[in-house]
Amino acid sequence: MEEINEYIKYIKSSNNPLSSNVFLIKGVKNNYIFDVGANKVSREIIKDIDSKIIIISHFHTDHMDNMKYFSNEKLYIGDYTYKILGYGNVVNNILEINDGINLKIVHIPNSHAKGSLCLIINDLYLLIGDSLEGNRYGLNVSLLYDEIKLLKSLKYEYILTSHNDEILKKEEVIKYLELCYSKKEKNKPYIGYDVLS
């Protein structure tokens, strides 16, 4: 397990099976888990954690396949993930939790997956799932605009994604997304990967 600081740790992503990073956040009363992944390592570590509250970034199996082992836990999800799982507390805007640390669960528009959530910890770290990624067509122009607007408005300094160990800076990510947005073409709903490369 890797450590970001005294209250954030994570289990590294894997390729076989494909599984996202699983973030563990230590509160005073509860332990918060951002994504549960799809591999056995994550499942075994999560199993041994008491007082769990789970937050799923989005419905892709590499982020939530292990939910089949934790269906009785308190769960926060986006609306589209609810359609897939059929249970959980849906977050459509911003939900704030104070538990010795300040958590904000935020609905984030993006091209990668409908109904995605991100998590802000102590106005310092933003766990963003795969929200910086596109889909098979590239980046949706309208969703990218809304994502940039939201990311600028939120208070945090660093971004952690689901499939690498790099800690990204807010201003660098926004600058990159704005560069992508600048490549939009008239009457085209997507910025294709050919345009982005």
N, C-alpha and C. Protein backbone atom coordinates (compact mmCIF):
# COMPACT_ATOMS: atom_id res chain seq x y z
N MET A 1 0.84 -1.18 0.00
CA MET A 1 0.00 0.00 0.00
C MET A 1 0.89 1.24 0.00
N GLU A 2 0.49 2.23 -0.80
CA GLU A 2 1.25 3.48 -0.91
C GLU A 2 0.62 4.55 -0.02
N GLU A 3 1.44 5.48 0.49
CA GLU A 3 0.95 6.52 1.38
C GLU A 3 1.13 7.89 0.73
N ILE A 4 0.04 8.68 0.70
CA ILE A 4 0.11 10.07 0.24
C ILE A 4 0.45 10.97 1.43
N ASN A 5 -0.25 10.77 2.52
CA ASN A 5 0.01 11.49 3.77
C ASN A 5 -0.56 10.67 4.93
N GLU A 6 -0.69 11.27 6.11
CA GLU A 6 -1.12 10.50 7.28
C GLU A 6 -2.57 10.03 7.21
N TYR A 7 -3.38 10.60 6.32
CA TYR A 7 -4.79 10.17 6.25
C TYR A 7 -5.22 9.66 4.87
N ILE A 8 -4.31 9.63 3.89
CA ILE A 8 -4.64 9.08 2.57
C ILE A 8 -3.61 8.02 2.18
N LYS A 9 -4.10 6.82 1.90
CA LYS A 9 -3.27 5.74 1.36
C LYS A 9 -3.98 5.20 0.13
N TYR A 10 -3.25 4.42 -0.66
CA TYR A 10 -3.94 3.78 -1.78
C TYR A 10 -3.30 2.45 -2.15
N ILE A 11 -4.15 1.60 -2.72
CA ILE A 11 -3.73 0.31 -3.26
C ILE A 11 -3.53 0.54 -4.75
N LYS A 12 -2.36 0.20 -5.25
CA LYS A 12 -2.03 0.48 -6.65
C LYS A 12 -2.91 -0.29 -7.63
N SER A 13 -3.16 0.35 -8.75
CA SER A 13 -3.93 -0.28 -9.83
C SER A 13 -3.18 -1.49 -10.37
N SER A 14 -3.90 -2.34 -11.10
CA SER A 14 -3.27 -3.50 -11.73
C SER A 14 -3.79 -3.65 -13.16
N ASN A 15 -3.05 -4.41 -13.96
CA ASN A 15 -3.45 -4.64 -15.35
C ASN A 15 -4.10 -5.99 -15.57
N ASN A 16 -3.80 -6.97 -14.71
CA ASN A 16 -4.36 -8.30 -14.90
C ASN A 16 -4.78 -8.87 -13.55
N PRO A 17 -6.05 -8.70 -13.15
CA PRO A 17 -7.12 -8.06 -13.91
C PRO A 17 -6.98 -6.54 -13.87
N LEU A 18 -7.62 -5.88 -14.84
CA LEU A 18 -7.62 -4.42 -14.86
C LEU A 18 -8.37 -3.93 -13.62
N SER A 19 -7.68 -3.14 -12.80
CA SER A 19 -8.26 -2.63 -11.56
C SER A 19 -7.69 -1.24 -11.30
N SER A 20 -8.55 -0.34 -10.87
CA SER A 20 -8.14 1.04 -10.59
C SER A 20 -7.38 1.13 -9.27
N ASN A 21 -6.73 2.28 -9.05
CA ASN A 21 -6.23 2.59 -7.72
C ASN A 21 -7.42 2.61 -6.77
N VAL A 22 -7.22 2.16 -5.55
CA VAL A 22 -8.26 2.19 -4.51
C VAL A 22 -7.72 3.08 -3.40
N PHE A 23 -8.41 4.19 -3.17
CA PHE A 23 -7.95 5.16 -2.17
C PHE A 23 -8.65 4.92 -0.84
N LEU A 24 -7.86 4.96 0.24
CA LEU A 24 -8.36 4.77 1.59
C LEU A 24 -8.11 6.05 2.37
N ILE A 25 -9.18 6.64 2.90
CA ILE A 25 -9.09 7.91 3.61
C ILE A 25 -9.55 7.69 5.04
N LYS A 26 -8.71 8.05 6.00
CA LYS A 26 -8.98 7.80 7.42
C LYS A 26 -9.66 9.00 8.05
N GLY A 27 -10.91 8.82 8.47
CA GLY A 27 -11.61 9.83 9.23
C GLY A 27 -11.53 9.51 10.71
N VAL A 28 -12.20 10.29 11.54
CA VAL A 28 -12.22 10.02 12.98
C VAL A 28 -13.16 8.86 13.29
N LYS A 29 -14.37 8.87 12.70
CA LYS A 29 -15.35 7.81 12.97
C LYS A 29 -15.37 6.73 11.90
N ASN A 30 -15.08 7.10 10.66
CA ASN A 30 -15.23 6.17 9.54
C ASN A 30 -13.98 6.12 8.67
N ASN A 31 -13.90 5.07 7.89
CA ASN A 31 -12.88 4.92 6.86
C ASN A 31 -13.59 5.05 5.51
N TYR A 32 -13.09 5.92 4.65
CA TYR A 32 -13.72 6.20 3.37
C TYR A 32 -12.89 5.54 2.27
N ILE A 33 -13.57 4.85 1.39
CA ILE A 33 -12.90 4.12 0.32
C ILE A 33 -13.40 4.69 -1.00
N PHE A 34 -12.48 5.22 -1.80
CA PHE A 34 -12.83 5.77 -3.10
C PHE A 34 -12.47 4.74 -4.16
N ASP A 35 -13.49 4.11 -4.70
CA ASP A 35 -13.41 2.98 -5.64
C ASP A 35 -12.93 1.73 -4.90
N VAL A 36 -13.45 0.59 -5.34
CA VAL A 36 -13.10 -0.67 -4.68
C VAL A 36 -12.28 -1.58 -5.59
N GLY A 37 -12.07 -1.16 -6.84
CA GLY A 37 -11.25 -1.93 -7.75
C GLY A 37 -11.88 -3.25 -8.17
N ALA A 38 -11.04 -4.09 -8.78
CA ALA A 38 -11.52 -5.36 -9.32
C ALA A 38 -10.59 -6.52 -9.00
N ASN A 39 -9.52 -6.25 -8.27
CA ASN A 39 -8.57 -7.34 -8.02
C ASN A 39 -8.70 -7.88 -6.59
N LYS A 40 -8.10 -9.03 -6.37
CA LYS A 40 -8.17 -9.71 -5.08
C LYS A 40 -7.42 -8.95 -3.99
N VAL A 41 -6.31 -8.32 -4.34
CA VAL A 41 -5.53 -7.56 -3.34
C VAL A 41 -6.41 -6.48 -2.71
N SER A 42 -7.08 -5.71 -3.56
CA SER A 42 -7.97 -4.65 -3.05
C SER A 42 -9.08 -5.24 -2.20
N ARG A 43 -9.69 -6.30 -2.70
CA ARG A 43 -10.80 -6.94 -1.99
C ARG A 43 -10.38 -7.38 -0.59
N GLU A 44 -9.22 -8.01 -0.48
CA GLU A 44 -8.76 -8.52 0.82
C GLU A 44 -8.45 -7.39 1.80
N ILE A 45 -7.84 -6.31 1.31
CA ILE A 45 -7.54 -5.18 2.20
C ILE A 45 -8.82 -4.50 2.65
N ILE A 46 -9.73 -4.26 1.72
CA ILE A 46 -11.00 -3.59 2.06
C ILE A 46 -11.80 -4.44 3.06
N LYS A 47 -11.78 -5.74 2.88
CA LYS A 47 -12.53 -6.65 3.75
C LYS A 47 -12.17 -6.45 5.22
N ASP A 48 -10.90 -6.14 5.50
CA ASP A 48 -10.43 -6.02 6.87
C ASP A 48 -10.58 -4.63 7.47
N ILE A 49 -11.17 -3.70 6.72
CA ILE A 49 -11.35 -2.33 7.20
C ILE A 49 -12.71 -2.22 7.90
N ASP A 50 -12.69 -1.65 9.11
CA ASP A 50 -13.93 -1.42 9.86
C ASP A 50 -14.56 -0.08 9.48
N SER A 51 -15.84 0.07 9.78
CA SER A 51 -16.58 1.33 9.60
C SER A 51 -16.33 1.93 8.21
N LYS A 52 -16.68 1.17 7.19
CA LYS A 52 -16.43 1.57 5.80
C LYS A 52 -17.56 2.42 5.24
N ILE A 53 -17.20 3.46 4.53
CA ILE A 53 -18.12 4.19 3.66
C ILE A 53 -17.45 4.22 2.29
N ILE A 54 -18.16 3.73 1.29
CA ILE A 54 -17.59 3.57 -0.05
C ILE A 54 -18.13 4.64 -1.00
N ILE A 55 -17.25 5.18 -1.81
CA ILE A 55 -17.61 6.14 -2.85
C ILE A 55 -17.09 5.57 -4.16
N ILE A 56 -17.97 5.41 -5.13
CA ILE A 56 -17.57 4.87 -6.44
C ILE A 56 -17.52 6.00 -7.45
N SER A 57 -16.40 6.16 -8.13
CA SER A 57 -16.24 7.25 -9.10
C SER A 57 -17.15 7.08 -10.31
N HIS A 58 -17.24 5.85 -10.83
CA HIS A 58 -18.12 5.58 -11.97
C HIS A 58 -18.29 4.08 -12.14
N PHE A 59 -19.13 3.70 -13.06
CA PHE A 59 -19.66 2.34 -13.16
C PHE A 59 -18.77 1.32 -13.86
N HIS A 60 -17.60 1.69 -14.35
CA HIS A 60 -16.76 0.71 -15.05
C HIS A 60 -16.24 -0.34 -14.07
N THR A 61 -16.15 -1.58 -14.56
CA THR A 61 -15.83 -2.70 -13.67
C THR A 61 -14.48 -2.59 -12.98
N ASP A 62 -13.49 -1.94 -13.60
CA ASP A 62 -12.19 -1.83 -12.94
C ASP A 62 -12.26 -0.94 -11.69
N HIS A 63 -13.34 -0.20 -11.53
CA HIS A 63 -13.53 0.67 -10.37
C HIS A 63 -14.49 0.08 -9.34
N MET A 64 -15.37 -0.83 -9.77
CA MET A 64 -16.41 -1.26 -8.84
C MET A 64 -16.74 -2.75 -8.84
N ASP A 65 -15.97 -3.56 -9.52
CA ASP A 65 -16.30 -4.99 -9.58
C ASP A 65 -16.32 -5.63 -8.19
N ASN A 66 -15.46 -5.19 -7.29
CA ASN A 66 -15.44 -5.76 -5.94
C ASN A 66 -16.66 -5.38 -5.10
N MET A 67 -17.55 -4.53 -5.62
CA MET A 67 -18.76 -4.19 -4.86
C MET A 67 -19.61 -5.43 -4.59
N LYS A 68 -19.50 -6.46 -5.40
CA LYS A 68 -20.28 -7.68 -5.16
C LYS A 68 -19.94 -8.31 -3.81
N TYR A 69 -18.79 -7.94 -3.24
CA TYR A 69 -18.39 -8.45 -1.93
C TYR A 69 -18.73 -7.49 -0.79
N PHE A 70 -19.15 -6.26 -1.13
CA PHE A 70 -19.37 -5.24 -0.10
C PHE A 70 -20.73 -4.56 -0.23
N SER A 71 -21.73 -5.27 -0.65
CA SER A 71 -23.02 -4.66 -0.94
C SER A 71 -23.77 -4.16 0.30
N ASN A 72 -23.34 -4.53 1.49
CA ASN A 72 -24.01 -4.06 2.70
C ASN A 72 -23.41 -2.79 3.29
N GLU A 73 -22.38 -2.25 2.66
CA GLU A 73 -21.72 -1.05 3.18
C GLU A 73 -22.46 0.21 2.75
N LYS A 74 -22.28 1.30 3.49
CA LYS A 74 -22.83 2.60 3.08
C LYS A 74 -22.11 3.01 1.80
N LEU A 75 -22.88 3.45 0.81
CA LEU A 75 -22.35 3.66 -0.52
C LEU A 75 -22.85 4.96 -1.13
N TYR A 76 -21.92 5.74 -1.71
CA TYR A 76 -22.27 6.95 -2.46
C TYR A 76 -21.87 6.73 -3.92
N ILE A 77 -22.80 7.00 -4.82
CA ILE A 77 -22.58 6.75 -6.24
C ILE A 77 -23.27 7.83 -7.07
N GLY A 78 -22.91 7.87 -8.36
CA GLY A 78 -23.59 8.74 -9.30
C GLY A 78 -24.85 8.07 -9.83
N ASP A 79 -25.67 8.84 -10.53
CA ASP A 79 -26.96 8.32 -11.00
C ASP A 79 -26.83 7.16 -11.98
N TYR A 80 -25.83 7.20 -12.85
CA TYR A 80 -25.70 6.12 -13.82
C TYR A 80 -25.18 4.84 -13.16
N THR A 81 -24.31 4.99 -12.19
CA THR A 81 -23.84 3.83 -11.43
C THR A 81 -25.01 3.19 -10.68
N TYR A 82 -25.93 4.02 -10.20
CA TYR A 82 -27.12 3.49 -9.53
C TYR A 82 -27.92 2.61 -10.49
N LYS A 83 -28.02 3.02 -11.75
CA LYS A 83 -28.74 2.22 -12.74
C LYS A 83 -28.10 0.84 -12.91
N ILE A 84 -26.79 0.77 -12.77
CA ILE A 84 -26.07 -0.50 -12.92
C ILE A 84 -26.18 -1.34 -11.65
N LEU A 85 -25.90 -0.73 -10.48
CA LEU A 85 -25.89 -1.47 -9.21
C LEU A 85 -27.29 -1.69 -8.63
N GLY A 86 -28.14 -0.68 -8.75
CA GLY A 86 -29.49 -0.78 -8.20
C GLY A 86 -29.63 -0.41 -6.74
N TYR A 87 -28.57 0.08 -6.11
CA TYR A 87 -28.64 0.52 -4.72
C TYR A 87 -27.54 1.55 -4.47
N GLY A 88 -27.63 2.24 -3.33
CA GLY A 88 -26.66 3.26 -2.96
C GLY A 88 -27.30 4.63 -2.86
N ASN A 89 -26.57 5.56 -2.30
CA ASN A 89 -27.02 6.95 -2.16
C ASN A 89 -26.49 7.75 -3.34
N VAL A 90 -27.39 8.28 -4.16
CA VAL A 90 -27.00 9.01 -5.37
C VAL A 90 -26.61 10.45 -5.01
N VAL A 91 -25.46 10.88 -5.52
CA VAL A 91 -24.99 12.26 -5.35
C VAL A 91 -25.10 12.93 -6.72
N ASN A 92 -25.93 13.96 -6.81
CA ASN A 92 -26.13 14.67 -8.08
C ASN A 92 -25.45 16.02 -8.13
N ASN A 93 -24.94 16.51 -7.02
CA ASN A 93 -24.31 17.82 -7.00
C ASN A 93 -23.07 17.75 -6.11
N ILE A 94 -23.15 18.28 -4.87
CA ILE A 94 -22.04 18.23 -3.92
C ILE A 94 -22.58 17.77 -2.57
N LEU A 95 -21.91 16.79 -1.97
CA LEU A 95 -22.25 16.32 -0.64
C LEU A 95 -21.02 16.52 0.24
N GLU A 96 -21.18 17.23 1.34
CA GLU A 96 -20.05 17.49 2.24
C GLU A 96 -20.16 16.62 3.49
N ILE A 97 -19.03 16.03 3.87
CA ILE A 97 -18.95 15.19 5.07
C ILE A 97 -17.79 15.69 5.91
N ASN A 98 -18.04 15.92 7.21
CA ASN A 98 -16.98 16.31 8.13
C ASN A 98 -16.79 15.20 9.15
N ASP A 99 -15.58 14.64 9.17
CA ASP A 99 -15.27 13.52 10.06
C ASP A 99 -13.81 13.63 10.50
N GLY A 100 -13.46 14.78 11.06
CA GLY A 100 -12.06 15.03 11.41
C GLY A 100 -11.28 15.47 10.18
N ILE A 101 -11.75 15.13 9.03
CA ILE A 101 -11.27 15.60 7.74
C ILE A 101 -12.50 16.10 6.99
N ASN A 102 -12.29 17.01 6.06
CA ASN A 102 -13.40 17.54 5.28
C ASN A 102 -13.43 16.85 3.92
N LEU A 103 -14.54 16.20 3.62
CA LEU A 103 -14.71 15.51 2.34
C LEU A 103 -15.85 16.16 1.58
N LYS A 104 -15.66 16.34 0.29
CA LYS A 104 -16.73 16.80 -0.60
C LYS A 104 -16.83 15.80 -1.74
N ILE A 105 -17.98 15.15 -1.83
CA ILE A 105 -18.26 14.26 -2.96
C ILE A 105 -18.96 15.12 -4.01
N VAL A 106 -18.39 15.15 -5.22
CA VAL A 106 -18.85 16.09 -6.25
C VAL A 106 -19.17 15.34 -7.54
N HIS A 107 -20.34 15.62 -8.10
CA HIS A 107 -20.68 15.11 -9.43
C HIS A 107 -19.84 15.88 -10.44
N ILE A 108 -19.15 15.16 -11.34
CA ILE A 108 -18.27 15.82 -12.31
C ILE A 108 -18.62 15.39 -13.74
N PRO A 109 -18.99 16.36 -14.59
CA PRO A 109 -19.24 16.02 -16.00
C PRO A 109 -17.93 15.69 -16.69
N ASN A 110 -17.95 14.66 -17.54
CA ASN A 110 -16.75 14.31 -18.29
C ASN A 110 -17.12 13.38 -19.44
N SER A 111 -16.21 13.18 -20.35
CA SER A 111 -16.44 12.36 -21.54
C SER A 111 -16.29 10.87 -21.27
N HIS A 112 -15.65 10.50 -20.19
CA HIS A 112 -15.30 9.10 -19.96
C HIS A 112 -16.49 8.25 -19.53
N ALA A 113 -17.28 8.74 -18.55
CA ALA A 113 -18.38 7.93 -18.02
C ALA A 113 -19.47 8.83 -17.46
N LYS A 114 -20.71 8.52 -17.80
CA LYS A 114 -21.86 9.27 -17.30
C LYS A 114 -21.94 9.14 -15.79
N GLY A 115 -22.42 10.21 -15.15
CA GLY A 115 -22.69 10.17 -13.72
C GLY A 115 -21.48 9.96 -12.84
N SER A 116 -20.33 10.49 -13.23
CA SER A 116 -19.11 10.29 -12.45
C SER A 116 -19.07 11.17 -11.20
N LEU A 117 -18.34 10.68 -10.20
CA LEU A 117 -18.10 11.44 -8.98
C LEU A 117 -16.60 11.62 -8.77
N CYS A 118 -16.25 12.71 -8.10
CA CYS A 118 -14.88 12.90 -7.63
C CYS A 118 -14.95 13.22 -6.14
N LEU A 119 -13.82 13.24 -5.48
CA LEU A 119 -13.77 13.45 -4.04
C LEU A 119 -12.68 14.46 -3.71
N ILE A 120 -13.06 15.52 -2.99
CA ILE A 120 -12.09 16.51 -2.52
C ILE A 120 -11.83 16.24 -1.04
N ILE A 121 -10.55 16.20 -0.68
CA ILE A 121 -10.15 15.92 0.70
C ILE A 121 -9.42 17.13 1.26
N ASN A 122 -10.01 17.73 2.31
CA ASN A 122 -9.42 18.88 3.01
C ASN A 122 -9.05 20.04 2.07
N ASP A 123 -9.82 20.23 1.01
CA ASP A 123 -9.55 21.30 0.03
C ASP A 123 -8.13 21.26 -0.50
N LEU A 124 -7.52 20.08 -0.48
CA LEU A 124 -6.14 19.93 -0.91
C LEU A 124 -6.00 18.93 -2.05
N TYR A 125 -6.61 17.74 -1.91
CA TYR A 125 -6.50 16.69 -2.91
C TYR A 125 -7.85 16.44 -3.58
N LEU A 126 -7.81 16.25 -4.89
CA LEU A 126 -8.98 15.87 -5.66
C LEU A 126 -8.74 14.49 -6.25
N LEU A 127 -9.55 13.51 -5.81
CA LEU A 127 -9.51 12.18 -6.41
C LEU A 127 -10.50 12.21 -7.55
N ILE A 128 -10.01 12.02 -8.78
CA ILE A 128 -10.83 12.31 -9.95
C ILE A 128 -11.24 11.09 -10.77
N GLY A 129 -10.86 9.89 -10.31
CA GLY A 129 -11.22 8.70 -11.09
C GLY A 129 -10.59 8.76 -12.47
N ASP A 130 -11.40 8.46 -13.49
CA ASP A 130 -10.94 8.53 -14.89
C ASP A 130 -11.49 9.75 -15.61
N SER A 131 -11.90 10.76 -14.87
CA SER A 131 -12.59 11.90 -15.47
C SER A 131 -11.74 12.74 -16.42
N LEU A 132 -10.43 12.53 -16.43
CA LEU A 132 -9.59 13.26 -17.39
C LEU A 132 -9.46 12.52 -18.70
N GLU A 133 -10.03 11.32 -18.77
CA GLU A 133 -9.95 10.49 -19.97
C GLU A 133 -11.14 10.76 -20.88
N GLY A 134 -11.01 10.38 -22.13
CA GLY A 134 -12.12 10.48 -23.07
C GLY A 134 -12.85 9.15 -23.17
N ASN A 135 -13.67 9.05 -24.20
CA ASN A 135 -14.32 7.78 -24.51
C ASN A 135 -13.82 7.33 -25.88
N ARG A 136 -14.48 6.40 -26.50
CA ARG A 136 -13.96 5.86 -27.77
C ARG A 136 -13.93 6.89 -28.89
N TYR A 137 -14.71 7.98 -28.76
CA TYR A 137 -14.74 9.03 -29.79
C TYR A 137 -13.75 10.16 -29.52
N GLY A 138 -13.28 10.26 -28.30
CA GLY A 138 -12.41 11.36 -27.90
C GLY A 138 -13.03 12.11 -26.74
N LEU A 139 -12.98 13.43 -26.79
CA LEU A 139 -13.53 14.28 -25.73
C LEU A 139 -14.77 15.01 -26.24
N ASN A 140 -15.87 14.88 -25.52
CA ASN A 140 -17.09 15.59 -25.87
C ASN A 140 -16.90 17.07 -25.57
N VAL A 141 -17.12 17.92 -26.57
CA VAL A 141 -16.84 19.35 -26.45
C VAL A 141 -17.65 19.98 -25.32
N SER A 142 -18.93 19.72 -25.27
CA SER A 142 -19.81 20.31 -24.27
C SER A 142 -19.44 19.85 -22.86
N LEU A 143 -19.21 18.54 -22.69
CA LEU A 143 -18.83 18.03 -21.38
C LEU A 143 -17.46 18.53 -20.94
N LEU A 144 -16.53 18.66 -21.88
CA LEU A 144 -15.20 19.18 -21.55
C LEU A 144 -15.31 20.61 -21.05
N TYR A 145 -16.13 21.42 -21.70
CA TYR A 145 -16.34 22.81 -21.27
C TYR A 145 -16.87 22.83 -19.82
N ASP A 146 -17.89 22.00 -19.55
CA ASP A 146 -18.48 21.95 -18.20
C ASP A 146 -17.48 21.43 -17.17
N GLU A 147 -16.66 20.46 -17.57
CA GLU A 147 -15.66 19.90 -16.65
C GLU A 147 -14.61 20.96 -16.29
N ILE A 148 -14.12 21.68 -17.28
CA ILE A 148 -13.14 22.74 -17.03
C ILE A 148 -13.72 23.79 -16.09
N LYS A 149 -14.94 24.21 -16.36
CA LYS A 149 -15.61 25.21 -15.52
C LYS A 149 -15.71 24.74 -14.07
N LEU A 150 -16.11 23.47 -13.87
CA LEU A 150 -16.21 22.92 -12.52
C LEU A 150 -14.84 22.82 -11.86
N LEU A 151 -13.86 22.28 -12.56
CA LEU A 151 -12.53 22.12 -11.97
C LEU A 151 -11.91 23.45 -11.56
N LYS A 152 -12.20 24.50 -12.31
CA LYS A 152 -11.71 25.84 -11.94
C LYS A 152 -12.40 26.35 -10.68
N SER A 153 -13.67 26.01 -10.51
CA SER A 153 -14.46 26.57 -9.40
C SER A 153 -14.20 25.88 -8.05
N LEU A 154 -13.72 24.66 -8.08
CA LEU A 154 -13.52 23.90 -6.84
C LEU A 154 -12.20 24.27 -6.17
N LYS A 155 -12.16 24.12 -4.84
CA LYS A 155 -10.95 24.42 -4.08
C LYS A 155 -10.17 23.13 -3.80
N TYR A 156 -8.96 23.02 -4.36
CA TYR A 156 -8.03 21.91 -4.16
C TYR A 156 -6.72 22.33 -4.81
N GLU A 157 -5.65 21.62 -4.54
CA GLU A 157 -4.35 21.95 -5.14
C GLU A 157 -3.80 20.83 -6.02
N TYR A 158 -4.11 19.58 -5.65
CA TYR A 158 -3.52 18.44 -6.35
C TYR A 158 -4.60 17.47 -6.82
N ILE A 159 -4.29 16.76 -7.90
CA ILE A 159 -5.22 15.78 -8.47
C ILE A 159 -4.55 14.41 -8.49
N LEU A 160 -5.30 13.41 -8.04
CA LEU A 160 -4.86 12.02 -8.10
C LEU A 160 -5.83 11.27 -9.01
N THR A 161 -5.29 10.52 -9.97
CA THR A 161 -6.13 9.78 -10.90
C THR A 161 -6.13 8.30 -10.53
N SER A 162 -6.88 7.52 -11.28
CA SER A 162 -7.10 6.12 -10.92
C SER A 162 -6.13 5.11 -11.50
N HIS A 163 -5.28 5.51 -12.42
CA HIS A 163 -4.44 4.50 -13.05
C HIS A 163 -2.96 4.88 -13.12
N ASN A 164 -2.55 5.87 -12.33
CA ASN A 164 -1.12 6.14 -12.22
C ASN A 164 -0.81 6.70 -10.84
N ASP A 165 0.47 6.86 -10.55
CA ASP A 165 0.91 7.30 -9.23
C ASP A 165 1.29 8.77 -9.18
N GLU A 166 1.17 9.44 -10.30
CA GLU A 166 1.60 10.83 -10.37
C GLU A 166 0.62 11.74 -9.64
N ILE A 167 1.16 12.70 -8.90
CA ILE A 167 0.34 13.73 -8.26
C ILE A 167 0.40 14.95 -9.17
N LEU A 168 -0.76 15.30 -9.73
CA LEU A 168 -0.85 16.39 -10.70
C LEU A 168 -1.24 17.69 -10.01
N LYS A 169 -0.79 18.81 -10.54
CA LYS A 169 -1.15 20.12 -10.00
C LYS A 169 -2.38 20.65 -10.72
N LYS A 170 -3.26 21.28 -9.95
CA LYS A 170 -4.52 21.81 -10.48
C LYS A 170 -4.31 22.67 -11.72
N GLU A 171 -3.43 23.64 -11.62
CA GLU A 171 -3.25 24.58 -12.74
C GLU A 171 -2.72 23.90 -14.00
N GLU A 172 -1.88 22.89 -13.84
CA GLU A 172 -1.35 22.17 -15.00
C GLU A 172 -2.45 21.36 -15.70
N VAL A 173 -3.31 20.73 -14.92
CA VAL A 173 -4.40 19.94 -15.50
C VAL A 173 -5.38 20.85 -16.23
N ILE A 174 -5.75 21.97 -15.61
CA ILE A 174 -6.68 22.89 -16.26
C ILE A 174 -6.07 23.46 -17.53
N LYS A 175 -4.80 23.79 -17.50
CA LYS A 175 -4.12 24.30 -18.70
C LYS A 175 -4.16 23.25 -19.82
N TYR A 176 -3.91 21.99 -19.49
CA TYR A 176 -3.96 20.92 -20.48
C TYR A 176 -5.37 20.75 -21.05
N LEU A 177 -6.38 20.74 -20.18
CA LEU A 177 -7.76 20.58 -20.65
C LEU A 177 -8.19 21.77 -21.51
N GLU A 178 -7.75 22.96 -21.17
CA GLU A 178 -8.06 24.14 -21.99
C GLU A 178 -7.39 24.04 -23.36
N LEU A 179 -6.18 23.49 -23.39
CA LEU A 179 -5.50 23.27 -24.67
C LEU A 179 -6.30 22.28 -25.52
N CYS A 180 -6.77 21.20 -24.90
CA CYS A 180 -7.62 20.23 -25.62
C CYS A 180 -8.86 20.92 -26.15
N TYR A 181 -9.50 21.72 -25.32
CA TYR A 181 -10.74 22.41 -25.71
C TYR A 181 -10.49 23.38 -26.88
N SER A 182 -9.32 23.97 -26.91
CA SER A 182 -9.00 24.93 -27.99
C SER A 182 -8.93 24.24 -29.36
N LYS A 183 -8.86 22.93 -29.37
CA LYS A 183 -8.76 22.18 -30.63
C LYS A 183 -10.12 21.75 -31.17
N LYS A 184 -11.20 22.23 -30.54
CA LYS A 184 -12.54 21.88 -31.03
C LYS A 184 -12.74 22.45 -32.44
N GLU A 185 -13.56 21.76 -33.21
CA GLU A 185 -13.84 22.19 -34.58
C GLU A 185 -15.32 22.47 -34.71
N LYS A 186 -15.65 23.45 -35.52
CA LYS A 186 -17.03 23.87 -35.71
C LYS A 186 -17.89 22.69 -36.17
N ASN A 187 -19.08 22.59 -35.53
CA ASN A 187 -20.08 21.56 -35.85
C ASN A 187 -19.64 20.13 -35.57
N LYS A 188 -18.59 19.94 -34.78
CA LYS A 188 -18.16 18.59 -34.39
C LYS A 188 -18.33 18.45 -32.89
N PRO A 189 -19.12 17.46 -32.43
CA PRO A 189 -19.38 17.32 -30.99
C PRO A 189 -18.19 16.74 -30.20
N TYR A 190 -17.23 16.13 -30.90
CA TYR A 190 -16.08 15.52 -30.23
C TYR A 190 -14.78 16.09 -30.75
N ILE A 191 -13.81 16.16 -29.87
CA ILE A 191 -12.43 16.43 -30.24
C ILE A 191 -11.77 15.06 -30.31
N GLY A 192 -11.51 14.59 -31.51
CA GLY A 192 -10.99 13.25 -31.71
C GLY A 192 -9.54 13.10 -31.28
N TYR A 193 -9.14 11.88 -31.04
CA TYR A 193 -7.77 11.60 -30.63
C TYR A 193 -6.77 12.01 -31.70
N ASP A 194 -7.16 11.95 -32.97
CA ASP A 194 -6.28 12.38 -34.04
C ASP A 194 -5.96 13.88 -33.93
N VAL A 195 -6.94 14.66 -33.47
CA VAL A 195 -6.74 16.11 -33.30
C VAL A 195 -5.90 16.37 -32.05
N LEU A 196 -6.07 15.55 -31.01
CA LEU A 196 -5.37 15.76 -29.74
C LEU A 196 -3.91 15.38 -29.78
N SER A 197 -3.52 14.48 -30.72
CA SER A 197 -2.14 14.03 -30.74
C SER A 197 -1.21 14.96 -31.47
